[in-house]
């Protein structure tokens, strides 16, 4: 109930333009960096992922959502994390696993922390702004084109579910 109330309050703030934007730069799994700011003006679905989780099959849904909406501006960003002890040992292993098993071509960061004091600044900002912190792998954060958090979902909500796609479609050009 507390999460629902927080989500409703935050959605109201976001619609009123009172929500703060969140951003950050991540190391890319391909080398270099990925910056949330480079996608300003586009909706971004940020998902903390893991290769050895019961929800790992959601990679397929993430790719499907990206394929469906990328031409209309959606970015899907996968953030591999071992915070729940279910990620492979290196970024190279993660990249190979995702390419071989799921044919992923979504942007992907290097392995990053998503919770606690060591969390990446993006996740710290999301928690500060909304109270939302990933409680498991495949938690989702949807940013609007202005960089503000529009919605968050836990692991059980599939990326291609109506709950997610309706929010994405409302943000697309």
C-alpha atoms as a PDB file:
ATOM      1  CA  UNK A   1       0.000   0.000   0.000  1.00  0.00           C
ATOM      2  CA  UNK A   2       2.860   2.360   0.860  1.00  0.00           C
ATOM      3  CA  UNK A   3       4.433   1.798  -2.583  1.00  0.00           C
ATOM      4  CA  UNK A   4       1.100   2.486  -4.293  1.00  0.00           C
ATOM      5  CA  UNK A   5       0.648   5.753  -2.414  1.00  0.00           C
ATOM      6  CA  UNK A   6       4.223   6.817  -3.219  1.00  0.00           C
ATOM      7  CA  UNK A   7       3.714   5.938  -6.881  1.00  0.00           C
ATOM      8  CA  UNK A   8       0.478   7.947  -7.063  1.00  0.00           C
ATOM      9  CA  UNK A   9       2.009  10.961  -5.329  1.00  0.00           C
ATOM     10  CA  UNK A  10       5.039  10.866  -7.595  1.00  0.00           C
ATOM     11  CA  UNK A  11       2.935  10.459 -10.744  1.00  0.00           C
ATOM     12  CA  UNK A  12       0.951  13.537  -9.709  1.00  0.00           C
ATOM     13  CA  UNK A  13       4.156  15.524  -9.115  1.00  0.00           C
ATOM     14  CA  UNK A  14       5.570  14.410 -12.461  1.00  0.00           C
ATOM     15  CA  UNK A  15       2.406  15.440 -14.303  1.00  0.00           C
ATOM     16  CA  UNK A  16       2.463  18.810 -12.557  1.00  0.00           C
ATOM     17  CA  UNK A  17       6.079  19.323 -13.588  1.00  0.00           C
ATOM     18  CA  UNK A  18       7.304  19.281  -9.993  1.00  0.00           C
ATOM     19  CA  UNK A  19       9.290  16.053 -10.222  1.00  0.00           C
ATOM     20  CA  UNK A  20      13.046  16.377 -10.531  1.00  0.00           C
ATOM     21  CA  UNK A  21      14.919  14.842 -13.385  1.00  0.00           C
ATOM     22  CA  UNK A  22      17.375  12.055 -12.694  1.00  0.00           C
ATOM     23  CA  UNK A  23      20.399  11.283 -14.780  1.00  0.00           C
ATOM     24  CA  UNK A  24      23.812   9.810 -14.645  1.00  0.00           C
ATOM     25  CA  UNK A  25      26.602   8.323 -16.677  1.00  0.00           C
ATOM     26  CA  UNK A  26      27.275   4.596 -16.665  1.00  0.00           C
ATOM     27  CA  UNK A  27      30.264   2.674 -17.979  1.00  0.00           C
ATOM     28  CA  UNK A  28      29.110   0.899 -21.148  1.00  0.00           C
ATOM     29  CA  UNK A  29      29.483  -2.859 -21.476  1.00  0.00           C
ATOM     30  CA  UNK A  30      31.004  -2.086 -24.910  1.00  0.00           C
ATOM     31  CA  UNK A  31      33.546   0.377 -23.507  1.00  0.00           C
ATOM     32  CA  UNK A  32      33.134   4.108 -23.142  1.00  0.00           C
ATOM     33  CA  UNK A  33      30.109   5.525 -21.360  1.00  0.00           C
ATOM     34  CA  UNK A  34      26.339   5.750 -21.626  1.00  0.00           C
ATOM     35  CA  UNK A  35      24.686   8.891 -20.314  1.00  0.00           C
ATOM     36  CA  UNK A  36      21.013   9.246 -19.471  1.00  0.00           C
ATOM     37  CA  UNK A  37      21.399  12.855 -20.637  1.00  0.00           C
ATOM     38  CA  UNK A  38      22.248  11.727 -24.193  1.00  0.00           C
ATOM     39  CA  UNK A  39      18.651  10.487 -24.448  1.00  0.00           C
ATOM     40  CA  UNK A  40      17.007  13.653 -23.088  1.00  0.00           C
ATOM     41  CA  UNK A  41      13.840  14.188 -25.102  1.00  0.00           C
ATOM     42  CA  UNK A  42      13.172  10.460 -25.272  1.00  0.00           C
ATOM     43  CA  UNK A  43      11.543   8.069 -22.804  1.00  0.00           C
ATOM     44  CA  UNK A  44      14.047   5.678 -21.224  1.00  0.00           C
ATOM     45  CA  UNK A  45      13.190   2.359 -19.565  1.00  0.00           C
ATOM     46  CA  UNK A  46      16.034   1.475 -17.166  1.00  0.00           C
ATOM     47  CA  UNK A  47      16.095  -2.111 -15.902  1.00  0.00           C
ATOM     48  CA  UNK A  48      18.510  -3.724 -13.452  1.00  0.00           C
ATOM     49  CA  UNK A  49      19.265  -7.180 -14.837  1.00  0.00           C
ATOM     50  CA  UNK A  50      21.040 -10.419 -13.936  1.00  0.00           C
ATOM     51  CA  UNK A  51      21.965 -13.415 -16.077  1.00  0.00           C
ATOM     52  CA  UNK A  52      21.268 -16.152 -13.538  1.00  0.00           C
ATOM     53  CA  UNK A  53      17.893 -15.074 -12.158  1.00  0.00           C
ATOM     54  CA  UNK A  54      14.455 -16.608 -12.444  1.00  0.00           C
ATOM     55  CA  UNK A  55      13.430 -13.404 -14.246  1.00  0.00           C
ATOM     56  CA  UNK A  56      16.283 -13.544 -16.791  1.00  0.00           C
ATOM     57  CA  UNK A  57      13.775 -14.549 -19.481  1.00  0.00           C
ATOM     58  CA  UNK A  58      12.577 -10.926 -19.331  1.00  0.00           C
ATOM     59  CA  UNK A  59      15.542 -10.049 -21.532  1.00  0.00           C
ATOM     60  CA  UNK A  60      13.365 -11.347 -24.377  1.00  0.00           C
ATOM     61  CA  UNK A  61      10.587  -8.924 -23.401  1.00  0.00           C
ATOM     62  CA  UNK A  62      13.014  -6.020 -23.043  1.00  0.00           C
ATOM     63  CA  UNK A  63      14.294  -6.631 -26.565  1.00  0.00           C
ATOM     64  CA  UNK A  64      10.722  -6.962 -27.898  1.00  0.00           C
ATOM     65  CA  UNK A  65       9.685  -3.647 -26.310  1.00  0.00           C
ATOM     66  CA  UNK A  66      12.805  -1.975 -27.673  1.00  0.00           C
ATOM     67  CA  UNK A  67      12.156  -3.392 -31.157  1.00  0.00           C
ATOM     68  CA  UNK A  68       8.521  -2.273 -31.030  1.00  0.00           C
ATOM     69  CA  UNK A  69       9.133   1.306 -29.882  1.00  0.00           C
ATOM     70  CA  UNK A  70      12.705   2.323 -30.681  1.00  0.00           C
ATOM     71  CA  UNK A  71      11.774   3.924 -34.004  1.00  0.00           C
ATOM     72  CA  UNK A  72       9.366   6.126 -32.032  1.00  0.00           C
ATOM     73  CA  UNK A  73      12.099   7.161 -29.581  1.00  0.00           C
ATOM     74  CA  UNK A  74      12.140   4.657 -26.716  1.00  0.00           C
ATOM     75  CA  UNK A  75      15.487   3.678 -25.230  1.00  0.00           C
ATOM     76  CA  UNK A  76      15.753   0.524 -23.114  1.00  0.00           C
ATOM     77  CA  UNK A  77      18.829   0.491 -20.890  1.00  0.00           C
ATOM     78  CA  UNK A  78      19.882  -2.749 -19.190  1.00  0.00           C
ATOM     79  CA  UNK A  79      21.952  -2.342 -16.025  1.00  0.00           C
ATOM     80  CA  UNK A  80      23.504  -5.699 -15.088  1.00  0.00           C
ATOM     81  CA  UNK A  81      24.007  -5.970 -11.343  1.00  0.00           C
ATOM     82  CA  UNK A  82      25.317  -8.578  -8.943  1.00  0.00           C
ATOM     83  CA  UNK A  83      23.674  -6.944  -5.918  1.00  0.00           C
ATOM     84  CA  UNK A  84      21.462 -10.024  -5.562  1.00  0.00           C
ATOM     85  CA  UNK A  85      24.310 -12.484  -6.281  1.00  0.00           C
ATOM     86  CA  UNK A  86      22.916 -13.668  -9.623  1.00  0.00           C
ATOM     87  CA  UNK A  87      25.148 -12.064 -12.233  1.00  0.00           C
ATOM     88  CA  UNK A  88      27.990 -13.639 -14.151  1.00  0.00           C
ATOM     89  CA  UNK A  89      31.575 -12.851 -13.168  1.00  0.00           C
ATOM     90  CA  UNK A  90      32.483 -10.253 -15.801  1.00  0.00           C
ATOM     91  CA  UNK A  91      30.982  -7.793 -18.238  1.00  0.00           C
ATOM     92  CA  UNK A  92      32.383  -9.849 -21.113  1.00  0.00           C
ATOM     93  CA  UNK A  93      30.514 -12.937 -19.886  1.00  0.00           C
ATOM     94  CA  UNK A  94      27.299 -10.940 -19.483  1.00  0.00           C
ATOM     95  CA  UNK A  95      27.557  -9.468 -22.978  1.00  0.00           C
ATOM     96  CA  UNK A  96      28.246 -12.865 -24.556  1.00  0.00           C
ATOM     97  CA  UNK A  97      25.405 -14.515 -22.594  1.00  0.00           C
ATOM     98  CA  UNK A  98      22.906 -11.835 -23.653  1.00  0.00           C
ATOM     99  CA  UNK A  99      23.938 -11.852 -27.308  1.00  0.00           C
ATOM    100  CA  UNK A 100      23.978 -15.649 -27.628  1.00  0.00           C
ATOM    101  CA  UNK A 101      20.824 -16.401 -25.662  1.00  0.00           C
ATOM    102  CA  UNK A 102      18.644 -13.365 -26.371  1.00  0.00           C
ATOM    103  CA  UNK A 103      20.152 -11.544 -29.356  1.00  0.00           C
ATOM    104  CA  UNK A 104      20.177  -8.334 -27.347  1.00  0.00           C
ATOM    105  CA  UNK A 105      21.104  -5.093 -29.029  1.00  0.00           C
ATOM    106  CA  UNK A 106      19.707  -2.757 -26.367  1.00  0.00           C
ATOM    107  CA  UNK A 107      22.172  -0.420 -24.694  1.00  0.00           C
ATOM    108  CA  UNK A 108      23.780  -2.122 -21.707  1.00  0.00           C
ATOM    109  CA  UNK A 109      25.969  -0.849 -18.924  1.00  0.00           C
ATOM    110  CA  UNK A 110      28.850  -2.583 -17.247  1.00  0.00           C
ATOM    111  CA  UNK A 111      27.991  -4.462 -14.040  1.00  0.00           C
ATOM    112  CA  UNK A 112      26.808  -1.808 -11.550  1.00  0.00           C
ATOM    113  CA  UNK A 113      25.424  -1.535  -8.026  1.00  0.00           C
ATOM    114  CA  UNK A 114      21.741  -0.613  -7.872  1.00  0.00           C
ATOM    115  CA  UNK A 115      20.992  -0.537  -4.141  1.00  0.00           C
ATOM    116  CA  UNK A 116      22.485   0.517  -0.848  1.00  0.00           C
ATOM    117  CA  UNK A 117      25.323   2.916  -0.148  1.00  0.00           C
ATOM    118  CA  UNK A 118      27.334   1.652  -3.145  1.00  0.00           C
ATOM    119  CA  UNK A 119      24.442   2.194  -5.585  1.00  0.00           C
ATOM    120  CA  UNK A 120      25.150   3.997  -8.824  1.00  0.00           C
ATOM    121  CA  UNK A 121      24.250   7.717  -8.571  1.00  0.00           C
ATOM    122  CA  UNK A 122      21.285   7.162 -10.930  1.00  0.00           C
ATOM    123  CA  UNK A 123      19.724   4.684  -8.512  1.00  0.00           C
ATOM    124  CA  UNK A 124      20.524   6.888  -5.522  1.00  0.00           C
ATOM    125  CA  UNK A 125      18.736   9.781  -7.248  1.00  0.00           C
ATOM    126  CA  UNK A 126      15.719   7.612  -8.075  1.00  0.00           C
ATOM    127  CA  UNK A 127      15.505   6.463  -4.461  1.00  0.00           C
ATOM    128  CA  UNK A 128      15.853  10.019  -3.142  1.00  0.00           C
ATOM    129  CA  UNK A 129      13.230  11.323  -5.550  1.00  0.00           C
ATOM    130  CA  UNK A 130      10.663   8.495  -5.377  1.00  0.00           C
ATOM    131  CA  UNK A 131      11.578   6.177  -2.508  1.00  0.00           C
ATOM    132  CA  UNK A 132      11.980   3.351  -5.060  1.00  0.00           C
ATOM    133  CA  UNK A 133      15.021   1.087  -4.788  1.00  0.00           C
ATOM    134  CA  UNK A 134      15.344  -2.224  -6.634  1.00  0.00           C
ATOM    135  CA  UNK A 135      14.357  -5.042  -4.322  1.00  0.00           C
ATOM    136  CA  UNK A 136      15.400  -7.717  -6.806  1.00  0.00           C
ATOM    137  CA  UNK A 137      16.583  -8.126 -10.384  1.00  0.00           C
ATOM    138  CA  UNK A 138      14.522  -6.807 -13.312  1.00  0.00           C
ATOM    139  CA  UNK A 139      13.006  -3.838 -11.488  1.00  0.00           C
ATOM    140  CA  UNK A 140      12.028  -1.154 -13.972  1.00  0.00           C
ATOM    141  CA  UNK A 141      12.267   2.652 -13.920  1.00  0.00           C
ATOM    142  CA  UNK A 142      10.578   4.620 -16.707  1.00  0.00           C
ATOM    143  CA  UNK A 143      11.903   8.114 -17.325  1.00  0.00           C
ATOM    144  CA  UNK A 144       9.938  10.647 -19.296  1.00  0.00           C
ATOM    145  CA  UNK A 145      11.520  12.728 -22.060  1.00  0.00           C
ATOM    146  CA  UNK A 146      12.244  15.410 -19.445  1.00  0.00           C
ATOM    147  CA  UNK A 147      14.304  12.935 -17.393  1.00  0.00           C
ATOM    148  CA  UNK A 148      11.798  12.685 -14.530  1.00  0.00           C
ATOM    149  CA  UNK A 149      10.705   9.298 -13.204  1.00  0.00           C
ATOM    150  CA  UNK A 150       7.261   8.521 -14.602  1.00  0.00           C
ATOM    151  CA  UNK A 151       6.749   5.035 -13.140  1.00  0.00           C
ATOM    152  CA  UNK A 152       8.519   2.150 -11.435  1.00  0.00           C
ATOM    153  CA  UNK A 153       7.726  -1.547 -11.394  1.00  0.00           C
ATOM    154  CA  UNK A 154       9.044  -4.598  -9.593  1.00  0.00           C
ATOM    155  CA  UNK A 155      10.351  -7.830 -11.064  1.00  0.00           C
ATOM    156  CA  UNK A 156       6.981  -9.513 -11.506  1.00  0.00           C
ATOM    157  CA  UNK A 157       5.790  -6.871 -13.987  1.00  0.00           C
ATOM    158  CA  UNK A 158       6.926  -8.011 -17.405  1.00  0.00           C
ATOM    159  CA  UNK A 159       8.359  -5.332 -19.726  1.00  0.00           C
ATOM    160  CA  UNK A 160       5.842  -6.115 -22.471  1.00  0.00           C
ATOM    161  CA  UNK A 161       2.862  -6.015 -20.083  1.00  0.00           C
ATOM    162  CA  UNK A 162       0.036  -3.564 -20.703  1.00  0.00           C
ATOM    163  CA  UNK A 163       0.943  -1.714 -17.470  1.00  0.00           C
ATOM    164  CA  UNK A 164       4.354  -0.866 -18.919  1.00  0.00           C
ATOM    165  CA  UNK A 165       3.516  -0.421 -22.596  1.00  0.00           C
ATOM    166  CA  UNK A 166       0.600   1.948 -21.922  1.00  0.00           C
ATOM    167  CA  UNK A 167       2.916   4.240 -19.954  1.00  0.00           C
ATOM    168  CA  UNK A 168       5.556   4.048 -22.704  1.00  0.00           C
ATOM    169  CA  UNK A 169       3.050   4.792 -25.466  1.00  0.00           C
ATOM    170  CA  UNK A 170       1.803   7.863 -23.593  1.00  0.00           C
ATOM    171  CA  UNK A 171       5.353   9.288 -23.746  1.00  0.00           C
ATOM    172  CA  UNK A 172       6.167   8.599 -27.386  1.00  0.00           C
ATOM    173  CA  UNK A 173       6.185  11.192 -30.159  1.00  0.00           C
END
